[in-house]
Amino acid sequence: MVEINELLDLSKTIAAELFQGRTYPWEVLDDIKDFILNLGETLPPEEYEHPAEGIWIAKDAKVFPSAYIGAPCIIDHGAEIRHCAFIRGSAVVGKNAVVGNSCELKNVVLFDNVQTPHYNYVGDSVLGYRAHMGAGSITSNVKSDKTLVVVKQPGEFIETGRKKFGAVLGDYVEIGCNSVLNPGTIIGRRSSVYPTSCVRGVIPADSIYKDKVDIVLRT
C-alpha cells in the first residue's frame, strides 16, 4: 500500500523522472533540490520565466505580489500562488495547483491540480494528483523525540532512515480541515480524512478515516 505505483500517477507531474527507479515515494526527498536545478535548466524559456537563480515560473502561472518564492523552485503551467504564500525552497508545484494564503511549502512535490489553499504547512512530503488539504491541515515532519521516522502499516514497520518526513497523499486524497498528518503518514488513493483528525500510519486506498479505530471502506 505504500509503493509509488500504488499511490501516484507519474503522468501527472513534471517531476516524473525523479520517481523513476525507486520503490517508495519518500526516497525522492533527498534529491528534490538537485532535480529542480537540473530540470530547470532544460525548461523552454518561451514557456518559463527565470526571475532568479534556481527559480522557474510558467508564464501562465499566477503569482501574487506578496508571495515569497525561495530557490530552488519550479512552478508549472496554470498554478496559482496566492497572497502571502511562503515557498521556502526545494518545491515543485504542479500544473493548475493552488498554494493559498499563508501556506508554507518546504522540500515537496505537489502533483498537478493539488490544492493547499488555506493556512497549510507541507514539508518533506509528496502530494499526489488532485490531492486536497482542507484549511489549517498540516504535515508534521519531525517526531517530537527526534528519532528516525518509521512507516507503520499492518504487519510491517518500514524504516525510512529519515529524521524529516511528513506525509504522502495518494491521488485524489481529501484531508479535512485542521487535521494533523504525523510523520510517516501515508494516505492511499481516493481516501478521505475527517476534519480535526490526528493521523498516523498507513490509511488504505478508498477509505474514510473517522478516527484511529474507525476507518471504513467507501461503498
N, C-alpha and C. Protein backbone atom coordinates (compact mmCIF):
# COMPACT_ATOMS: atom_id res chain seq x y z
N MET A 1 0.80 -1.22 0.00
CA MET A 1 0.00 0.00 0.00
C MET A 1 0.84 1.27 0.00
N VAL A 2 2.15 1.14 0.07
CA VAL A 2 2.98 2.35 0.23
C VAL A 2 3.97 2.55 -0.91
N GLU A 3 3.90 1.73 -1.95
CA GLU A 3 4.83 1.89 -3.05
C GLU A 3 4.32 2.95 -4.03
N ILE A 4 5.24 3.53 -4.76
CA ILE A 4 4.93 4.63 -5.67
C ILE A 4 3.80 4.27 -6.62
N ASN A 5 3.89 3.08 -7.23
CA ASN A 5 2.89 2.71 -8.24
C ASN A 5 1.50 2.47 -7.64
N GLU A 6 1.42 2.30 -6.34
CA GLU A 6 0.13 2.12 -5.67
C GLU A 6 -0.51 3.44 -5.25
N LEU A 7 0.28 4.51 -5.28
CA LEU A 7 -0.17 5.79 -4.74
C LEU A 7 -0.28 6.90 -5.76
N LEU A 8 0.61 6.90 -6.75
CA LEU A 8 0.82 8.10 -7.57
C LEU A 8 0.79 7.80 -9.06
N ASP A 9 0.13 8.68 -9.82
CA ASP A 9 0.13 8.61 -11.28
C ASP A 9 1.24 9.54 -11.78
N LEU A 10 2.34 8.95 -12.21
CA LEU A 10 3.51 9.74 -12.59
C LEU A 10 3.32 10.53 -13.87
N SER A 11 2.23 10.27 -14.59
CA SER A 11 1.95 11.09 -15.78
C SER A 11 1.39 12.46 -15.40
N LYS A 12 1.14 12.67 -14.11
CA LYS A 12 0.52 13.90 -13.64
C LYS A 12 1.49 14.80 -12.89
N THR A 13 2.76 14.78 -13.28
CA THR A 13 3.73 15.66 -12.66
C THR A 13 4.91 15.90 -13.59
N ILE A 14 5.43 17.10 -13.54
CA ILE A 14 6.65 17.43 -14.29
C ILE A 14 7.86 16.72 -13.69
N ALA A 15 7.70 16.19 -12.47
CA ALA A 15 8.81 15.56 -11.76
C ALA A 15 8.81 14.04 -11.88
N ALA A 16 8.17 13.49 -12.90
CA ALA A 16 8.06 12.03 -13.03
C ALA A 16 9.41 11.34 -12.99
N GLU A 17 10.40 11.93 -13.63
CA GLU A 17 11.72 11.29 -13.69
C GLU A 17 12.34 11.13 -12.31
N LEU A 18 12.00 12.02 -11.40
CA LEU A 18 12.53 11.95 -10.03
C LEU A 18 12.15 10.64 -9.35
N PHE A 19 11.00 10.08 -9.71
CA PHE A 19 10.49 8.87 -9.06
C PHE A 19 10.92 7.59 -9.75
N GLN A 20 11.49 7.70 -10.94
CA GLN A 20 11.85 6.52 -11.70
C GLN A 20 12.92 5.71 -10.97
N GLY A 21 12.75 4.39 -10.98
CA GLY A 21 13.75 3.51 -10.38
C GLY A 21 13.69 3.43 -8.87
N ARG A 22 12.67 4.02 -8.27
CA ARG A 22 12.53 3.98 -6.82
C ARG A 22 11.30 3.17 -6.44
N THR A 23 11.27 2.71 -5.22
CA THR A 23 10.16 1.91 -4.73
C THR A 23 9.18 2.73 -3.91
N TYR A 24 9.71 3.49 -2.95
CA TYR A 24 8.87 4.24 -2.02
C TYR A 24 8.96 5.73 -2.31
N PRO A 25 7.86 6.46 -2.18
CA PRO A 25 7.88 7.88 -2.55
C PRO A 25 8.80 8.74 -1.69
N TRP A 26 9.01 8.38 -0.44
CA TRP A 26 9.89 9.20 0.41
C TRP A 26 11.35 9.11 -0.01
N GLU A 27 11.67 8.16 -0.88
CA GLU A 27 13.06 8.05 -1.34
C GLU A 27 13.48 9.23 -2.21
N VAL A 28 12.52 10.02 -2.69
CA VAL A 28 12.88 11.16 -3.54
C VAL A 28 13.25 12.40 -2.73
N LEU A 29 12.97 12.42 -1.44
CA LEU A 29 13.04 13.67 -0.68
C LEU A 29 14.45 14.27 -0.65
N ASP A 30 15.47 13.44 -0.58
CA ASP A 30 16.84 13.97 -0.55
C ASP A 30 17.28 14.56 -1.88
N ASP A 31 16.57 14.25 -2.95
CA ASP A 31 17.03 14.62 -4.29
C ASP A 31 16.18 15.70 -4.96
N ILE A 32 15.17 16.23 -4.26
CA ILE A 32 14.30 17.22 -4.88
C ILE A 32 15.08 18.47 -5.29
N LYS A 33 15.95 18.94 -4.43
CA LYS A 33 16.70 20.17 -4.72
C LYS A 33 17.51 20.04 -6.01
N ASP A 34 18.34 19.01 -6.10
CA ASP A 34 19.18 18.85 -7.29
C ASP A 34 18.35 18.58 -8.53
N PHE A 35 17.26 17.84 -8.37
CA PHE A 35 16.39 17.56 -9.52
C PHE A 35 15.84 18.86 -10.10
N ILE A 36 15.37 19.75 -9.23
CA ILE A 36 14.82 21.03 -9.71
C ILE A 36 15.88 21.82 -10.46
N LEU A 37 17.07 21.90 -9.90
CA LEU A 37 18.13 22.68 -10.54
C LEU A 37 18.49 22.11 -11.91
N ASN A 38 18.51 20.80 -12.03
CA ASN A 38 18.84 20.18 -13.32
C ASN A 38 17.70 20.33 -14.32
N LEU A 39 16.47 20.08 -13.86
CA LEU A 39 15.33 20.18 -14.77
C LEU A 39 15.11 21.62 -15.21
N GLY A 40 15.27 22.55 -14.30
CA GLY A 40 15.03 23.95 -14.62
C GLY A 40 15.85 24.44 -15.80
N GLU A 41 17.07 23.98 -15.88
CA GLU A 41 17.94 24.42 -16.97
C GLU A 41 17.46 23.93 -18.33
N THR A 42 16.58 22.93 -18.35
CA THR A 42 16.09 22.39 -19.62
C THR A 42 14.73 22.95 -20.02
N LEU A 43 14.10 23.74 -19.16
CA LEU A 43 12.76 24.24 -19.44
C LEU A 43 12.80 25.31 -20.52
N PRO A 44 11.87 25.29 -21.46
CA PRO A 44 11.92 26.25 -22.58
C PRO A 44 11.67 27.68 -22.11
N PRO A 45 12.55 28.60 -22.44
CA PRO A 45 12.40 29.99 -21.98
C PRO A 45 11.17 30.69 -22.56
N GLU A 46 10.62 30.18 -23.66
CA GLU A 46 9.40 30.78 -24.18
C GLU A 46 8.19 30.41 -23.33
N GLU A 47 8.33 29.42 -22.44
CA GLU A 47 7.23 29.00 -21.58
C GLU A 47 7.44 29.35 -20.11
N TYR A 48 8.69 29.46 -19.70
CA TYR A 48 9.01 29.66 -18.29
C TYR A 48 9.88 30.89 -18.09
N GLU A 49 9.48 31.73 -17.16
CA GLU A 49 10.33 32.83 -16.72
C GLU A 49 11.38 32.29 -15.74
N HIS A 50 12.49 33.01 -15.69
CA HIS A 50 13.60 32.61 -14.81
C HIS A 50 14.02 33.86 -14.02
N PRO A 51 13.15 34.27 -13.05
CA PRO A 51 13.34 35.57 -12.41
C PRO A 51 14.53 35.66 -11.47
N ALA A 52 15.00 34.51 -11.00
CA ALA A 52 16.15 34.49 -10.09
C ALA A 52 16.84 33.15 -10.19
N GLU A 53 18.05 33.08 -9.70
CA GLU A 53 18.81 31.84 -9.75
C GLU A 53 18.02 30.72 -9.06
N GLY A 54 17.81 29.63 -9.80
CA GLY A 54 17.16 28.47 -9.23
C GLY A 54 15.64 28.52 -9.22
N ILE A 55 15.03 29.52 -9.85
CA ILE A 55 13.57 29.65 -9.85
C ILE A 55 13.06 29.71 -11.28
N TRP A 56 12.08 28.86 -11.58
CA TRP A 56 11.43 28.85 -12.89
C TRP A 56 9.92 28.88 -12.68
N ILE A 57 9.26 29.82 -13.35
CA ILE A 57 7.82 30.02 -13.19
C ILE A 57 7.17 30.06 -14.56
N ALA A 58 6.21 29.18 -14.79
CA ALA A 58 5.50 29.17 -16.07
C ALA A 58 4.84 30.53 -16.30
N LYS A 59 4.89 31.00 -17.53
CA LYS A 59 4.39 32.34 -17.83
C LYS A 59 2.88 32.45 -17.64
N ASP A 60 2.16 31.33 -17.67
CA ASP A 60 0.72 31.39 -17.44
C ASP A 60 0.34 31.06 -15.99
N ALA A 61 1.32 30.93 -15.11
CA ALA A 61 1.04 30.79 -13.68
C ALA A 61 0.71 32.17 -13.11
N LYS A 62 -0.03 32.18 -12.02
CA LYS A 62 -0.39 33.44 -11.37
C LYS A 62 0.27 33.48 -10.00
N VAL A 63 1.15 34.45 -9.81
CA VAL A 63 1.86 34.60 -8.54
C VAL A 63 1.52 35.97 -7.96
N PHE A 64 0.89 35.99 -6.80
CA PHE A 64 0.53 37.25 -6.17
C PHE A 64 1.79 37.99 -5.72
N PRO A 65 1.78 39.32 -5.77
CA PRO A 65 2.97 40.09 -5.43
C PRO A 65 3.50 39.84 -4.02
N SER A 66 2.62 39.48 -3.10
CA SER A 66 3.04 39.29 -1.71
C SER A 66 3.59 37.90 -1.44
N ALA A 67 3.55 36.99 -2.41
CA ALA A 67 4.07 35.64 -2.22
C ALA A 67 5.60 35.67 -2.19
N TYR A 68 6.18 34.76 -1.40
CA TYR A 68 7.64 34.60 -1.36
C TYR A 68 7.99 33.26 -1.99
N ILE A 69 8.91 33.28 -2.94
CA ILE A 69 9.34 32.06 -3.62
C ILE A 69 10.85 31.93 -3.46
N GLY A 70 11.25 30.92 -2.70
CA GLY A 70 12.68 30.67 -2.48
C GLY A 70 13.19 29.59 -3.42
N ALA A 71 14.45 29.67 -3.74
CA ALA A 71 15.08 28.71 -4.64
C ALA A 71 15.54 27.47 -3.86
N PRO A 72 15.59 26.33 -4.59
CA PRO A 72 15.12 26.14 -5.96
C PRO A 72 13.63 25.82 -5.99
N CYS A 73 13.00 26.20 -7.08
CA CYS A 73 11.56 26.02 -7.19
C CYS A 73 11.15 26.01 -8.66
N ILE A 74 10.22 25.13 -9.00
CA ILE A 74 9.57 25.14 -10.30
C ILE A 74 8.07 25.27 -10.08
N ILE A 75 7.46 26.25 -10.72
CA ILE A 75 6.02 26.44 -10.68
C ILE A 75 5.50 26.21 -12.09
N ASP A 76 4.68 25.19 -12.24
CA ASP A 76 4.29 24.73 -13.58
C ASP A 76 3.06 25.50 -14.09
N HIS A 77 2.67 25.20 -15.31
CA HIS A 77 1.63 25.92 -16.02
C HIS A 77 0.32 26.00 -15.23
N GLY A 78 -0.27 27.17 -15.21
CA GLY A 78 -1.59 27.36 -14.64
C GLY A 78 -1.67 27.35 -13.13
N ALA A 79 -0.54 27.20 -12.46
CA ALA A 79 -0.56 27.18 -10.99
C ALA A 79 -0.88 28.57 -10.46
N GLU A 80 -1.36 28.61 -9.23
CA GLU A 80 -1.70 29.88 -8.59
C GLU A 80 -1.06 29.93 -7.21
N ILE A 81 -0.23 30.93 -7.00
CA ILE A 81 0.47 31.13 -5.73
C ILE A 81 -0.11 32.38 -5.10
N ARG A 82 -0.91 32.22 -4.08
CA ARG A 82 -1.76 33.29 -3.59
C ARG A 82 -1.08 34.17 -2.54
N HIS A 83 -1.86 35.10 -2.03
CA HIS A 83 -1.41 36.13 -1.10
C HIS A 83 -0.63 35.55 0.08
N CYS A 84 0.58 36.02 0.28
CA CYS A 84 1.42 35.68 1.43
C CYS A 84 1.79 34.19 1.50
N ALA A 85 1.72 33.49 0.39
CA ALA A 85 2.26 32.13 0.37
C ALA A 85 3.77 32.19 0.59
N PHE A 86 4.32 31.17 1.26
CA PHE A 86 5.74 31.14 1.62
C PHE A 86 6.32 29.83 1.12
N ILE A 87 6.99 29.88 -0.02
CA ILE A 87 7.66 28.70 -0.57
C ILE A 87 9.13 28.81 -0.20
N ARG A 88 9.55 27.98 0.75
CA ARG A 88 10.90 28.10 1.31
C ARG A 88 11.98 27.56 0.38
N GLY A 89 11.59 26.74 -0.57
CA GLY A 89 12.58 26.20 -1.49
C GLY A 89 12.44 24.69 -1.64
N SER A 90 13.12 24.15 -2.65
CA SER A 90 13.04 22.72 -2.98
C SER A 90 11.59 22.29 -3.13
N ALA A 91 10.86 23.03 -3.96
CA ALA A 91 9.44 22.77 -4.16
C ALA A 91 9.12 22.68 -5.64
N VAL A 92 8.39 21.64 -6.00
CA VAL A 92 7.81 21.50 -7.33
C VAL A 92 6.31 21.69 -7.19
N VAL A 93 5.78 22.70 -7.84
CA VAL A 93 4.35 23.00 -7.79
C VAL A 93 3.76 22.66 -9.15
N GLY A 94 2.85 21.70 -9.19
CA GLY A 94 2.38 21.15 -10.44
C GLY A 94 1.41 22.04 -11.20
N LYS A 95 1.07 21.58 -12.38
CA LYS A 95 0.12 22.30 -13.24
C LYS A 95 -1.21 22.53 -12.50
N ASN A 96 -1.71 23.74 -12.60
CA ASN A 96 -3.02 24.11 -12.04
C ASN A 96 -3.12 23.89 -10.53
N ALA A 97 -1.99 23.74 -9.86
CA ALA A 97 -2.01 23.60 -8.40
C ALA A 97 -2.28 24.95 -7.75
N VAL A 98 -2.75 24.90 -6.51
CA VAL A 98 -3.01 26.11 -5.74
C VAL A 98 -2.21 26.06 -4.44
N VAL A 99 -1.45 27.11 -4.22
CA VAL A 99 -0.78 27.32 -2.93
C VAL A 99 -1.38 28.60 -2.35
N GLY A 100 -2.17 28.44 -1.31
CA GLY A 100 -3.03 29.54 -0.88
C GLY A 100 -2.43 30.48 0.12
N ASN A 101 -3.29 31.35 0.63
CA ASN A 101 -2.85 32.40 1.54
C ASN A 101 -2.23 31.81 2.80
N SER A 102 -1.05 32.33 3.13
CA SER A 102 -0.33 31.96 4.35
C SER A 102 0.04 30.48 4.42
N CYS A 103 0.14 29.83 3.26
CA CYS A 103 0.62 28.45 3.23
C CYS A 103 2.14 28.42 3.12
N GLU A 104 2.73 27.37 3.66
CA GLU A 104 4.18 27.22 3.63
C GLU A 104 4.55 25.87 3.03
N LEU A 105 5.47 25.88 2.07
CA LEU A 105 5.98 24.67 1.44
C LEU A 105 7.48 24.57 1.66
N LYS A 106 7.95 23.35 1.85
CA LYS A 106 9.39 23.14 2.00
C LYS A 106 9.72 21.70 1.62
N ASN A 107 10.59 21.53 0.63
CA ASN A 107 11.05 20.21 0.18
C ASN A 107 9.87 19.30 -0.14
N VAL A 108 9.13 19.68 -1.17
CA VAL A 108 7.90 18.97 -1.51
C VAL A 108 7.76 18.80 -3.02
N VAL A 109 6.95 17.82 -3.39
CA VAL A 109 6.46 17.70 -4.76
C VAL A 109 4.95 17.73 -4.69
N LEU A 110 4.35 18.74 -5.30
CA LEU A 110 2.91 18.80 -5.47
C LEU A 110 2.60 18.39 -6.90
N PHE A 111 1.88 17.30 -7.07
CA PHE A 111 1.49 16.87 -8.41
C PHE A 111 0.49 17.86 -9.00
N ASP A 112 0.12 17.65 -10.24
CA ASP A 112 -0.82 18.55 -10.92
C ASP A 112 -2.15 18.61 -10.17
N ASN A 113 -2.75 19.80 -10.17
CA ASN A 113 -4.09 20.02 -9.63
C ASN A 113 -4.19 19.81 -8.11
N VAL A 114 -3.07 19.77 -7.43
CA VAL A 114 -3.11 19.72 -5.95
C VAL A 114 -3.60 21.05 -5.42
N GLN A 115 -4.32 21.01 -4.31
CA GLN A 115 -4.77 22.24 -3.66
C GLN A 115 -4.33 22.24 -2.20
N THR A 116 -3.54 23.25 -1.86
CA THR A 116 -3.21 23.57 -0.46
C THR A 116 -3.65 25.03 -0.28
N PRO A 117 -4.94 25.28 -0.13
CA PRO A 117 -5.47 26.62 -0.37
C PRO A 117 -5.50 27.57 0.82
N HIS A 118 -5.44 27.05 2.07
CA HIS A 118 -5.62 27.95 3.22
C HIS A 118 -4.81 27.48 4.42
N TYR A 119 -3.80 28.23 4.81
CA TYR A 119 -3.12 28.03 6.10
C TYR A 119 -2.57 26.61 6.27
N ASN A 120 -1.97 26.09 5.23
CA ASN A 120 -1.40 24.73 5.29
C ASN A 120 0.11 24.79 5.42
N TYR A 121 0.68 23.85 6.16
CA TYR A 121 2.12 23.62 6.13
C TYR A 121 2.36 22.25 5.52
N VAL A 122 3.20 22.21 4.48
CA VAL A 122 3.54 20.95 3.82
C VAL A 122 5.06 20.90 3.70
N GLY A 123 5.66 19.99 4.46
CA GLY A 123 7.11 19.88 4.46
C GLY A 123 7.56 18.44 4.30
N ASP A 124 8.60 18.23 3.50
CA ASP A 124 9.20 16.89 3.29
C ASP A 124 8.11 15.87 2.96
N SER A 125 7.32 16.22 1.95
CA SER A 125 6.12 15.45 1.63
C SER A 125 5.90 15.39 0.12
N VAL A 126 5.03 14.47 -0.28
CA VAL A 126 4.61 14.32 -1.68
C VAL A 126 3.09 14.26 -1.70
N LEU A 127 2.49 15.13 -2.51
CA LEU A 127 1.03 15.18 -2.63
C LEU A 127 0.64 14.80 -4.04
N GLY A 128 -0.13 13.72 -4.18
CA GLY A 128 -0.48 13.18 -5.48
C GLY A 128 -1.55 13.98 -6.20
N TYR A 129 -1.83 13.56 -7.42
CA TYR A 129 -2.73 14.26 -8.34
C TYR A 129 -4.08 14.54 -7.69
N ARG A 130 -4.49 15.80 -7.75
CA ARG A 130 -5.76 16.28 -7.23
C ARG A 130 -5.95 16.07 -5.73
N ALA A 131 -4.87 15.85 -5.00
CA ALA A 131 -4.98 15.82 -3.54
C ALA A 131 -5.37 17.21 -3.04
N HIS A 132 -6.14 17.23 -1.97
CA HIS A 132 -6.65 18.49 -1.43
C HIS A 132 -6.49 18.50 0.08
N MET A 133 -5.91 19.56 0.60
CA MET A 133 -5.77 19.73 2.04
C MET A 133 -6.72 20.82 2.51
N GLY A 134 -7.63 20.47 3.42
CA GLY A 134 -8.57 21.45 3.95
C GLY A 134 -7.86 22.53 4.75
N ALA A 135 -8.57 23.61 5.01
CA ALA A 135 -7.99 24.77 5.70
C ALA A 135 -7.38 24.35 7.03
N GLY A 136 -6.13 24.78 7.25
CA GLY A 136 -5.47 24.54 8.52
C GLY A 136 -4.85 23.17 8.68
N SER A 137 -5.01 22.28 7.72
CA SER A 137 -4.40 20.96 7.84
C SER A 137 -2.91 21.04 7.52
N ILE A 138 -2.11 20.23 8.21
CA ILE A 138 -0.66 20.33 8.08
C ILE A 138 -0.02 18.94 8.05
N THR A 139 1.20 18.90 7.54
CA THR A 139 2.06 17.73 7.69
C THR A 139 3.07 18.03 8.78
N SER A 140 3.14 17.16 9.77
CA SER A 140 4.17 17.26 10.80
C SER A 140 5.34 16.40 10.35
N ASN A 141 6.50 17.00 10.17
CA ASN A 141 7.58 16.27 9.50
C ASN A 141 8.74 15.86 10.40
N VAL A 142 8.66 16.12 11.71
CA VAL A 142 9.71 15.71 12.64
C VAL A 142 9.04 15.14 13.89
N LYS A 143 9.49 13.98 14.35
CA LYS A 143 8.94 13.39 15.57
C LYS A 143 9.38 14.19 16.79
N SER A 144 8.57 14.21 17.81
CA SER A 144 8.88 15.02 18.99
C SER A 144 10.15 14.55 19.69
N ASP A 145 10.47 13.25 19.58
CA ASP A 145 11.70 12.75 20.21
C ASP A 145 12.89 12.76 19.26
N LYS A 146 12.67 13.28 18.05
CA LYS A 146 13.72 13.47 17.03
C LYS A 146 14.31 12.15 16.53
N THR A 147 13.67 11.02 16.80
CA THR A 147 14.14 9.75 16.25
C THR A 147 13.73 9.62 14.79
N LEU A 148 14.27 8.63 14.10
CA LEU A 148 14.01 8.46 12.68
C LEU A 148 12.57 7.98 12.45
N VAL A 149 12.02 8.42 11.33
CA VAL A 149 10.61 8.14 11.03
C VAL A 149 10.47 6.70 10.51
N VAL A 150 9.46 6.03 11.02
CA VAL A 150 9.11 4.67 10.59
C VAL A 150 7.71 4.69 10.01
N VAL A 151 7.53 4.08 8.85
CA VAL A 151 6.20 3.96 8.25
C VAL A 151 5.57 2.68 8.79
N LYS A 152 4.42 2.81 9.44
CA LYS A 152 3.78 1.69 10.12
C LYS A 152 2.52 1.28 9.37
N GLN A 153 2.57 0.08 8.80
CA GLN A 153 1.38 -0.49 8.20
C GLN A 153 1.13 -1.85 8.85
N PRO A 154 -0.09 -2.38 8.76
CA PRO A 154 -0.40 -3.63 9.45
C PRO A 154 0.59 -4.74 9.12
N GLY A 155 1.22 -5.27 10.16
CA GLY A 155 2.13 -6.38 9.99
C GLY A 155 3.53 -6.02 9.55
N GLU A 156 3.81 -4.74 9.38
CA GLU A 156 5.13 -4.35 8.87
C GLU A 156 5.47 -2.93 9.28
N PHE A 157 6.69 -2.74 9.76
CA PHE A 157 7.25 -1.42 10.01
C PHE A 157 8.39 -1.22 9.00
N ILE A 158 8.34 -0.10 8.28
CA ILE A 158 9.36 0.18 7.26
C ILE A 158 10.24 1.32 7.75
N GLU A 159 11.50 1.05 7.94
CA GLU A 159 12.46 2.08 8.35
C GLU A 159 12.75 2.99 7.16
N THR A 160 12.56 4.30 7.35
CA THR A 160 12.84 5.23 6.26
C THR A 160 14.26 5.78 6.32
N GLY A 161 14.88 5.73 7.50
CA GLY A 161 16.21 6.31 7.66
C GLY A 161 16.20 7.83 7.66
N ARG A 162 15.02 8.43 7.78
CA ARG A 162 14.89 9.87 7.68
C ARG A 162 14.45 10.48 9.02
N LYS A 163 15.10 11.59 9.37
CA LYS A 163 14.64 12.37 10.53
C LYS A 163 13.45 13.23 10.14
N LYS A 164 13.44 13.71 8.90
CA LYS A 164 12.36 14.58 8.44
C LYS A 164 11.60 13.90 7.30
N PHE A 165 10.35 13.60 7.58
CA PHE A 165 9.46 13.03 6.56
C PHE A 165 8.03 13.29 7.04
N GLY A 166 7.28 14.05 6.25
CA GLY A 166 5.91 14.39 6.62
C GLY A 166 4.93 13.33 6.20
N ALA A 167 4.38 13.47 4.99
CA ALA A 167 3.32 12.56 4.55
C ALA A 167 3.38 12.37 3.05
N VAL A 168 2.74 11.30 2.61
CA VAL A 168 2.48 11.07 1.18
C VAL A 168 0.98 10.93 1.02
N LEU A 169 0.41 11.76 0.18
CA LEU A 169 -1.01 11.65 -0.15
C LEU A 169 -1.14 11.06 -1.54
N GLY A 170 -1.87 9.97 -1.66
CA GLY A 170 -2.11 9.40 -2.98
C GLY A 170 -3.02 10.29 -3.80
N ASP A 171 -3.20 9.93 -5.05
CA ASP A 171 -4.06 10.70 -5.95
C ASP A 171 -5.48 10.80 -5.38
N TYR A 172 -6.07 11.96 -5.53
CA TYR A 172 -7.47 12.24 -5.16
C TYR A 172 -7.76 12.17 -3.66
N VAL A 173 -6.75 12.27 -2.83
CA VAL A 173 -6.98 12.24 -1.38
C VAL A 173 -7.56 13.56 -0.91
N GLU A 174 -8.47 13.49 0.07
CA GLU A 174 -9.07 14.66 0.70
C GLU A 174 -8.74 14.67 2.18
N ILE A 175 -8.14 15.76 2.64
CA ILE A 175 -7.80 15.91 4.05
C ILE A 175 -8.70 16.98 4.66
N GLY A 176 -9.41 16.63 5.73
CA GLY A 176 -10.33 17.56 6.35
C GLY A 176 -9.63 18.69 7.07
N CYS A 177 -10.37 19.76 7.30
CA CYS A 177 -9.82 20.97 7.92
C CYS A 177 -9.21 20.69 9.29
N ASN A 178 -8.10 21.40 9.56
CA ASN A 178 -7.44 21.37 10.87
C ASN A 178 -6.98 19.98 11.29
N SER A 179 -6.65 19.14 10.31
CA SER A 179 -6.08 17.83 10.61
C SER A 179 -4.57 17.89 10.65
N VAL A 180 -3.97 16.98 11.44
CA VAL A 180 -2.52 16.85 11.52
C VAL A 180 -2.13 15.48 10.99
N LEU A 181 -1.25 15.47 10.00
CA LEU A 181 -0.70 14.22 9.49
C LEU A 181 0.67 14.04 10.13
N ASN A 182 0.78 13.08 11.02
CA ASN A 182 2.01 12.86 11.76
C ASN A 182 3.12 12.31 10.86
N PRO A 183 4.38 12.41 11.30
CA PRO A 183 5.50 11.95 10.46
C PRO A 183 5.32 10.51 9.98
N GLY A 184 5.52 10.32 8.68
CA GLY A 184 5.43 8.99 8.09
C GLY A 184 4.03 8.54 7.74
N THR A 185 3.08 9.47 7.68
CA THR A 185 1.71 9.11 7.32
C THR A 185 1.60 8.89 5.81
N ILE A 186 0.92 7.82 5.43
CA ILE A 186 0.66 7.51 4.02
C ILE A 186 -0.85 7.35 3.85
N ILE A 187 -1.44 8.12 2.94
CA ILE A 187 -2.88 8.04 2.69
C ILE A 187 -3.09 7.49 1.29
N GLY A 188 -3.79 6.37 1.19
CA GLY A 188 -3.99 5.71 -0.09
C GLY A 188 -4.91 6.49 -1.02
N ARG A 189 -4.86 6.16 -2.29
CA ARG A 189 -5.64 6.84 -3.31
C ARG A 189 -7.13 6.92 -2.96
N ARG A 190 -7.70 8.07 -3.24
CA ARG A 190 -9.14 8.31 -3.14
C ARG A 190 -9.69 8.21 -1.73
N SER A 191 -8.83 8.27 -0.74
CA SER A 191 -9.29 8.22 0.65
C SER A 191 -9.54 9.63 1.19
N SER A 192 -10.37 9.68 2.23
CA SER A 192 -10.72 10.95 2.87
C SER A 192 -10.45 10.87 4.36
N VAL A 193 -10.09 12.01 4.93
CA VAL A 193 -9.83 12.12 6.36
C VAL A 193 -10.79 13.14 6.95
N TYR A 194 -11.47 12.76 8.02
CA TYR A 194 -12.40 13.67 8.68
C TYR A 194 -11.67 14.92 9.21
N PRO A 195 -12.36 16.04 9.29
CA PRO A 195 -11.78 17.25 9.89
C PRO A 195 -11.30 17.00 11.33
N THR A 196 -10.30 17.76 11.73
CA THR A 196 -9.70 17.77 13.07
C THR A 196 -9.12 16.41 13.46
N SER A 197 -8.74 15.61 12.49
CA SER A 197 -8.16 14.30 12.78
C SER A 197 -6.67 14.41 13.09
N CYS A 198 -6.18 13.44 13.87
CA CYS A 198 -4.75 13.28 14.11
C CYS A 198 -4.38 11.92 13.55
N VAL A 199 -3.68 11.92 12.42
CA VAL A 199 -3.49 10.71 11.63
C VAL A 199 -2.04 10.25 11.69
N ARG A 200 -1.85 8.95 11.84
CA ARG A 200 -0.51 8.38 11.71
C ARG A 200 -0.62 7.00 11.07
N GLY A 201 0.48 6.53 10.49
CA GLY A 201 0.48 5.21 9.87
C GLY A 201 -0.03 5.24 8.45
N VAL A 202 -0.49 4.08 7.98
CA VAL A 202 -0.91 3.89 6.60
C VAL A 202 -2.43 3.73 6.56
N ILE A 203 -3.08 4.58 5.77
CA ILE A 203 -4.52 4.51 5.58
C ILE A 203 -4.77 3.90 4.19
N PRO A 204 -5.53 2.81 4.11
CA PRO A 204 -5.70 2.14 2.82
C PRO A 204 -6.42 3.01 1.79
N ALA A 205 -6.26 2.65 0.55
CA ALA A 205 -6.98 3.33 -0.54
C ALA A 205 -8.48 3.16 -0.36
N ASP A 206 -9.23 4.12 -0.91
CA ASP A 206 -10.69 4.07 -0.94
C ASP A 206 -11.30 3.93 0.46
N SER A 207 -10.69 4.62 1.42
CA SER A 207 -11.16 4.56 2.80
C SER A 207 -11.64 5.93 3.28
N ILE A 208 -12.40 5.90 4.37
CA ILE A 208 -12.77 7.11 5.08
C ILE A 208 -12.22 6.99 6.50
N TYR A 209 -11.34 7.91 6.87
CA TYR A 209 -10.74 7.93 8.20
C TYR A 209 -11.59 8.81 9.09
N LYS A 210 -12.27 8.17 10.06
CA LYS A 210 -13.07 8.92 11.02
C LYS A 210 -12.28 9.17 12.30
N ASP A 211 -11.63 8.14 12.78
CA ASP A 211 -10.62 8.25 13.85
C ASP A 211 -9.80 6.97 13.79
N LYS A 212 -8.82 6.82 14.69
CA LYS A 212 -7.86 5.73 14.56
C LYS A 212 -8.48 4.35 14.71
N VAL A 213 -9.66 4.26 15.32
CA VAL A 213 -10.33 2.96 15.45
C VAL A 213 -11.55 2.85 14.56
N ASP A 214 -11.75 3.83 13.73
CA ASP A 214 -12.94 3.83 12.85
C ASP A 214 -12.53 4.28 11.45
N ILE A 215 -12.02 3.33 10.69
CA ILE A 215 -11.61 3.56 9.31
C ILE A 215 -12.42 2.60 8.45
N VAL A 216 -13.25 3.15 7.58
CA VAL A 216 -14.17 2.31 6.82
C VAL A 216 -13.90 2.43 5.32
N LEU A 217 -14.19 1.38 4.60
CA LEU A 217 -14.05 1.40 3.16
C LEU A 217 -15.25 2.12 2.54
N ARG A 218 -14.99 2.86 1.47
CA ARG A 218 -16.08 3.50 0.76
C ARG A 218 -17.01 2.47 0.16
N THR A 219 -18.30 2.79 0.11
CA THR A 219 -19.26 1.89 -0.52
C THR A 219 -19.69 2.49 -1.84
